[in-house]
Amino acid sequence: MENKYIVKEQVYASQGKRFANFLIDRGLFFVLIFILGITFSLIAEQAQNYQIVTFLDEMNPIVDYVFTGIFMAIYYIVLEGKYQISLGKLITKTIVVDQYGGKPELSSIVKRSFSRMIPFDHLSFLGSAARGWHDSISETYVVDKKILNEKKLLFQELNSIGVE
């Protein structure tokens, strides 16, 4: 039977890093939305057709929340699904992993990304284990990349003792 490394709390990213990830990713997202809004405005001005700008300006808050959540989910699905990181995670040197410290399945990343739409999810990682609802629901973990690699290497070395 093959032993597999299991992610433990000692490799979890700290609350500070999780909060930094949130701030960086949210900031980048709003910059992208701002640029998109300017682009729509410039296109509307060129076309002398302001319907899209009026629609966006008068959008129902619930519809706005849903559209924003979908765009944010796409951001995370693309980056975490392909690279296990977002811009925030890149800067804080953290990654998202499965229970074995490996790359999560795309279905887990999709669950994780859409779970972020739960109200107050962004505060849920402030618990003692620094795991948010979107982590628990998707069975994923945000870990310190360097510590994870050290622990996995140690685990592999200990398991190779006595093996020829």
C-alpha atoms as a PDB file:
ATOM      1  CA  MET A   1       0.000   0.000   0.000  1.00  0.00           C
ATOM      2  CA  GLU A   2       1.362   3.380  -1.023  1.00  0.00           C
ATOM      3  CA  ASN A   3       1.589   6.097   1.616  1.00  0.00           C
ATOM      4  CA  LYS A   4       0.415   9.497   0.476  1.00  0.00           C
ATOM      5  CA  TYR A   5       1.242  12.832   1.977  1.00  0.00           C
ATOM      6  CA  ILE A   6      -1.821  14.403   3.619  1.00  0.00           C
ATOM      7  CA  VAL A   7      -2.038  18.185   4.029  1.00  0.00           C
ATOM      8  CA  LYS A   8      -1.916  19.191   7.681  1.00  0.00           C
ATOM      9  CA  GLU A   9      -2.660  22.498   9.377  1.00  0.00           C
ATOM     10  CA  GLN A  10       1.046  23.279   9.747  1.00  0.00           C
ATOM     11  CA  VAL A  11       1.302  24.011   6.003  1.00  0.00           C
ATOM     12  CA  TYR A  12      -1.861  26.144   5.764  1.00  0.00           C
ATOM     13  CA  ALA A  13      -1.337  29.717   4.646  1.00  0.00           C
ATOM     14  CA  SER A  14      -1.639  32.147   7.539  1.00  0.00           C
ATOM     15  CA  GLN A  15      -4.675  34.347   8.052  1.00  0.00           C
ATOM     16  CA  GLY A  16      -2.513  37.327   7.093  1.00  0.00           C
ATOM     17  CA  LYS A  17      -1.564  35.750   3.770  1.00  0.00           C
ATOM     18  CA  ARG A  18      -5.166  34.727   3.137  1.00  0.00           C
ATOM     19  CA  PHE A  19      -6.312  38.295   3.804  1.00  0.00           C
ATOM     20  CA  ALA A  20      -3.566  39.660   1.538  1.00  0.00           C
ATOM     21  CA  ASN A  21      -4.660  37.229  -1.200  1.00  0.00           C
ATOM     22  CA  PHE A  22      -8.210  38.507  -0.855  1.00  0.00           C
ATOM     23  CA  LEU A  23      -7.211  42.180  -0.994  1.00  0.00           C
ATOM     24  CA  ILE A  24      -4.846  41.750  -3.948  1.00  0.00           C
ATOM     25  CA  ASP A  25      -7.281  39.647  -5.984  1.00  0.00           C
ATOM     26  CA  ARG A  26     -10.246  41.876  -5.180  1.00  0.00           C
ATOM     27  CA  GLY A  27      -8.220  44.990  -6.036  1.00  0.00           C
ATOM     28  CA  LEU A  28      -7.095  43.529  -9.361  1.00  0.00           C
ATOM     29  CA  PHE A  29     -10.635  42.450 -10.134  1.00  0.00           C
ATOM     30  CA  PHE A  30     -12.029  45.946  -9.544  1.00  0.00           C
ATOM     31  CA  VAL A  31      -9.275  47.469 -11.691  1.00  0.00           C
ATOM     32  CA  LEU A  32     -10.288  45.071 -14.483  1.00  0.00           C
ATOM     33  CA  ILE A  33     -13.972  45.989 -14.030  1.00  0.00           C
ATOM     34  CA  PHE A  34     -13.039  49.701 -14.105  1.00  0.00           C
ATOM     35  CA  ILE A  35     -11.085  49.224 -17.350  1.00  0.00           C
ATOM     36  CA  LEU A  36     -13.993  47.253 -18.815  1.00  0.00           C
ATOM     37  CA  GLY A  37     -16.394  50.068 -17.861  1.00  0.00           C
ATOM     38  CA  ILE A  38     -14.182  52.687 -19.510  1.00  0.00           C
ATOM     39  CA  THR A  39     -13.919  50.503 -22.605  1.00  0.00           C
ATOM     40  CA  PHE A  40     -17.727  50.170 -22.813  1.00  0.00           C
ATOM     41  CA  SER A  41     -18.069  53.926 -22.357  1.00  0.00           C
ATOM     42  CA  LEU A  42     -15.579  54.654 -25.145  1.00  0.00           C
ATOM     43  CA  ILE A  43     -17.296  52.203 -27.482  1.00  0.00           C
ATOM     44  CA  ALA A  44     -20.692  53.725 -26.621  1.00  0.00           C
ATOM     45  CA  GLU A  45     -19.332  57.214 -27.291  1.00  0.00           C
ATOM     46  CA  GLN A  46     -17.931  56.157 -30.670  1.00  0.00           C
ATOM     47  CA  ALA A  47     -21.177  54.446 -31.647  1.00  0.00           C
ATOM     48  CA  GLN A  48     -23.354  57.170 -30.132  1.00  0.00           C
ATOM     49  CA  ASN A  49     -25.314  54.338 -28.510  1.00  0.00           C
ATOM     50  CA  TYR A  50     -25.456  54.503 -24.726  1.00  0.00           C
ATOM     51  CA  GLN A  51     -27.789  51.569 -24.059  1.00  0.00           C
ATOM     52  CA  ILE A  52     -25.095  49.289 -22.608  1.00  0.00           C
ATOM     53  CA  VAL A  53     -23.767  52.080 -20.371  1.00  0.00           C
ATOM     54  CA  THR A  54     -27.284  52.878 -19.169  1.00  0.00           C
ATOM     55  CA  PHE A  55     -27.952  49.180 -18.558  1.00  0.00           C
ATOM     56  CA  LEU A  56     -24.776  48.811 -16.497  1.00  0.00           C
ATOM     57  CA  ASP A  57     -25.439  52.034 -14.594  1.00  0.00           C
ATOM     58  CA  GLU A  58     -29.020  51.087 -13.702  1.00  0.00           C
ATOM     59  CA  MET A  59     -28.389  47.380 -13.077  1.00  0.00           C
ATOM     60  CA  ASN A  60     -30.365  45.755 -10.259  1.00  0.00           C
ATOM     61  CA  PRO A  61     -28.002  45.096  -7.292  1.00  0.00           C
ATOM     62  CA  ILE A  62     -28.879  41.387  -7.268  1.00  0.00           C
ATOM     63  CA  VAL A  63     -28.134  41.051 -10.989  1.00  0.00           C
ATOM     64  CA  ASP A  64     -24.910  43.009 -10.418  1.00  0.00           C
ATOM     65  CA  TYR A  65     -23.939  40.608  -7.594  1.00  0.00           C
ATOM     66  CA  VAL A  66     -24.578  37.584  -9.816  1.00  0.00           C
ATOM     67  CA  PHE A  67     -22.660  39.023 -12.813  1.00  0.00           C
ATOM     68  CA  THR A  68     -19.777  40.074 -10.574  1.00  0.00           C
ATOM     69  CA  GLY A  69     -19.724  36.618  -8.960  1.00  0.00           C
ATOM     70  CA  ILE A  70     -19.662  34.889 -12.335  1.00  0.00           C
ATOM     71  CA  PHE A  71     -16.826  37.082 -13.629  1.00  0.00           C
ATOM     72  CA  MET A  72     -14.899  36.553 -10.400  1.00  0.00           C
ATOM     73  CA  ALA A  73     -15.472  32.781 -10.627  1.00  0.00           C
ATOM     74  CA  ILE A  74     -14.087  32.806 -14.179  1.00  0.00           C
ATOM     75  CA  TYR A  75     -10.982  34.669 -12.928  1.00  0.00           C
ATOM     76  CA  TYR A  76     -10.347  32.016 -10.266  1.00  0.00           C
ATOM     77  CA  ILE A  77     -11.276  29.024 -12.436  1.00  0.00           C
ATOM     78  CA  VAL A  78      -8.810  30.069 -15.132  1.00  0.00           C
ATOM     79  CA  LEU A  79      -5.905  30.884 -12.806  1.00  0.00           C
ATOM     80  CA  GLU A  80      -6.375  28.299 -10.055  1.00  0.00           C
ATOM     81  CA  GLY A  81      -7.517  25.616 -12.493  1.00  0.00           C
ATOM     82  CA  LYS A  82      -4.421  26.004 -14.648  1.00  0.00           C
ATOM     83  CA  TYR A  83      -1.718  27.252 -12.258  1.00  0.00           C
ATOM     84  CA  GLN A  84      -3.083  26.650  -8.715  1.00  0.00           C
ATOM     85  CA  ILE A  85      -2.628  30.371  -8.011  1.00  0.00           C
ATOM     86  CA  SER A  86      -4.221  33.761  -8.390  1.00  0.00           C
ATOM     87  CA  LEU A  87      -2.303  37.038  -8.467  1.00  0.00           C
ATOM     88  CA  GLY A  88      -2.620  37.280  -4.682  1.00  0.00           C
ATOM     89  CA  LYS A  89      -1.313  33.748  -4.208  1.00  0.00           C
ATOM     90  CA  LEU A  90       1.577  34.428  -6.568  1.00  0.00           C
ATOM     91  CA  ILE A  91       2.628  37.447  -4.515  1.00  0.00           C
ATOM     92  CA  THR A  92       2.223  35.711  -1.126  1.00  0.00           C
ATOM     93  CA  LYS A  93       3.828  32.473  -2.381  1.00  0.00           C
ATOM     94  CA  THR A  94       0.791  30.344  -1.595  1.00  0.00           C
ATOM     95  CA  ILE A  95      -1.050  27.804  -3.737  1.00  0.00           C
ATOM     96  CA  VAL A  96      -4.322  25.912  -3.703  1.00  0.00           C
ATOM     97  CA  VAL A  97      -3.990  22.133  -3.354  1.00  0.00           C
ATOM     98  CA  ASP A  98      -6.056  19.022  -2.763  1.00  0.00           C
ATOM     99  CA  GLN A  99      -5.827  16.924   0.406  1.00  0.00           C
ATOM    100  CA  TYR A 100      -2.643  15.262  -0.848  1.00  0.00           C
ATOM    101  CA  GLY A 101      -0.863  18.539  -1.609  1.00  0.00           C
ATOM    102  CA  GLY A 102      -1.356  18.107  -5.350  1.00  0.00           C
ATOM    103  CA  LYS A 103      -3.232  19.952  -8.046  1.00  0.00           C
ATOM    104  CA  PRO A 104      -6.981  19.904  -7.376  1.00  0.00           C
ATOM    105  CA  GLU A 105      -9.415  18.540  -9.947  1.00  0.00           C
ATOM    106  CA  LEU A 106     -11.081  21.183 -12.128  1.00  0.00           C
ATOM    107  CA  SER A 107     -14.448  20.273 -10.582  1.00  0.00           C
ATOM    108  CA  SER A 108     -13.054  21.205  -7.144  1.00  0.00           C
ATOM    109  CA  ILE A 109     -11.795  24.528  -8.491  1.00  0.00           C
ATOM    110  CA  VAL A 110     -15.216  25.246 -10.018  1.00  0.00           C
ATOM    111  CA  LYS A 111     -16.922  24.478  -6.671  1.00  0.00           C
ATOM    112  CA  ARG A 112     -14.337  26.593  -4.883  1.00  0.00           C
ATOM    113  CA  SER A 113     -14.788  29.522  -7.257  1.00  0.00           C
ATOM    114  CA  PHE A 114     -18.581  29.614  -7.151  1.00  0.00           C
ATOM    115  CA  SER A 115     -18.614  29.059  -3.375  1.00  0.00           C
ATOM    116  CA  ARG A 116     -17.001  32.464  -3.058  1.00  0.00           C
ATOM    117  CA  MET A 117     -20.406  33.934  -3.937  1.00  0.00           C
ATOM    118  CA  ILE A 118     -21.729  32.889  -0.508  1.00  0.00           C
ATOM    119  CA  PRO A 119     -22.257  36.106   1.451  1.00  0.00           C
ATOM    120  CA  PHE A 120     -19.467  36.717   3.979  1.00  0.00           C
ATOM    121  CA  ASP A 121     -17.377  33.836   2.610  1.00  0.00           C
ATOM    122  CA  HIS A 122     -14.405  36.214   2.447  1.00  0.00           C
ATOM    123  CA  LEU A 123     -14.500  36.446   6.256  1.00  0.00           C
ATOM    124  CA  SER A 124     -14.867  32.700   6.853  1.00  0.00           C
ATOM    125  CA  PHE A 125     -11.115  32.016   6.615  1.00  0.00           C
ATOM    126  CA  LEU A 126     -10.556  34.079   9.770  1.00  0.00           C
ATOM    127  CA  GLY A 127     -11.285  30.995  11.896  1.00  0.00           C
ATOM    128  CA  SER A 128      -8.573  29.217  13.824  1.00  0.00           C
ATOM    129  CA  ALA A 129      -7.446  27.013  10.932  1.00  0.00           C
ATOM    130  CA  ALA A 130      -7.514  29.811   8.306  1.00  0.00           C
ATOM    131  CA  ARG A 131      -9.787  27.742   6.062  1.00  0.00           C
ATOM    132  CA  GLY A 132     -12.752  29.379   4.417  1.00  0.00           C
ATOM    133  CA  TRP A 133     -16.085  27.965   3.428  1.00  0.00           C
ATOM    134  CA  HIS A 134     -14.960  27.862  -0.200  1.00  0.00           C
ATOM    135  CA  ASP A 135     -12.032  25.674   0.939  1.00  0.00           C
ATOM    136  CA  SER A 136     -14.201  23.296   2.967  1.00  0.00           C
ATOM    137  CA  ILE A 137     -16.922  22.986   0.330  1.00  0.00           C
ATOM    138  CA  SER A 138     -14.418  22.197  -2.418  1.00  0.00           C
ATOM    139  CA  GLU A 139     -12.126  20.085  -0.191  1.00  0.00           C
ATOM    140  CA  THR A 140      -9.150  22.276  -1.098  1.00  0.00           C
ATOM    141  CA  TYR A 141      -6.472  23.998   0.944  1.00  0.00           C
ATOM    142  CA  VAL A 142      -4.457  27.172   0.540  1.00  0.00           C
ATOM    143  CA  VAL A 143      -0.949  26.452   1.715  1.00  0.00           C
ATOM    144  CA  ASP A 144       2.435  28.097   1.972  1.00  0.00           C
ATOM    145  CA  LYS A 145       4.219  26.720  -1.093  1.00  0.00           C
ATOM    146  CA  LYS A 146       7.699  26.565   0.462  1.00  0.00           C
ATOM    147  CA  ILE A 147       6.546  24.821   3.642  1.00  0.00           C
ATOM    148  CA  LEU A 148       4.432  22.355   1.648  1.00  0.00           C
ATOM    149  CA  ASN A 149       7.379  21.433  -0.573  1.00  0.00           C
ATOM    150  CA  GLU A 150       9.634  20.954   2.466  1.00  0.00           C
ATOM    151  CA  LYS A 151       7.078  18.746   4.252  1.00  0.00           C
ATOM    152  CA  LYS A 152       6.386  16.667   1.135  1.00  0.00           C
ATOM    153  CA  LEU A 153      10.125  16.137   0.557  1.00  0.00           C
ATOM    154  CA  LEU A 154      10.625  15.085   4.182  1.00  0.00           C
ATOM    155  CA  PHE A 155       7.629  12.734   3.898  1.00  0.00           C
ATOM    156  CA  GLN A 156       9.071  11.141   0.736  1.00  0.00           C
ATOM    157  CA  GLU A 157      12.521  10.781   2.299  1.00  0.00           C
ATOM    158  CA  LEU A 158      11.127   9.147   5.440  1.00  0.00           C
ATOM    159  CA  ASN A 159       9.047   6.748   3.341  1.00  0.00           C
ATOM    160  CA  SER A 160      12.087   5.752   1.285  1.00  0.00           C
ATOM    161  CA  ILE A 161      14.049   4.602   4.342  1.00  0.00           C
ATOM    162  CA  GLY A 162      14.532   0.859   4.119  1.00  0.00           C
ATOM    163  CA  VAL A 163      13.238   0.710   0.556  1.00  0.00           C
ATOM    164  CA  GLU A 164      15.764  -0.644  -1.894  1.00  0.00           C
END
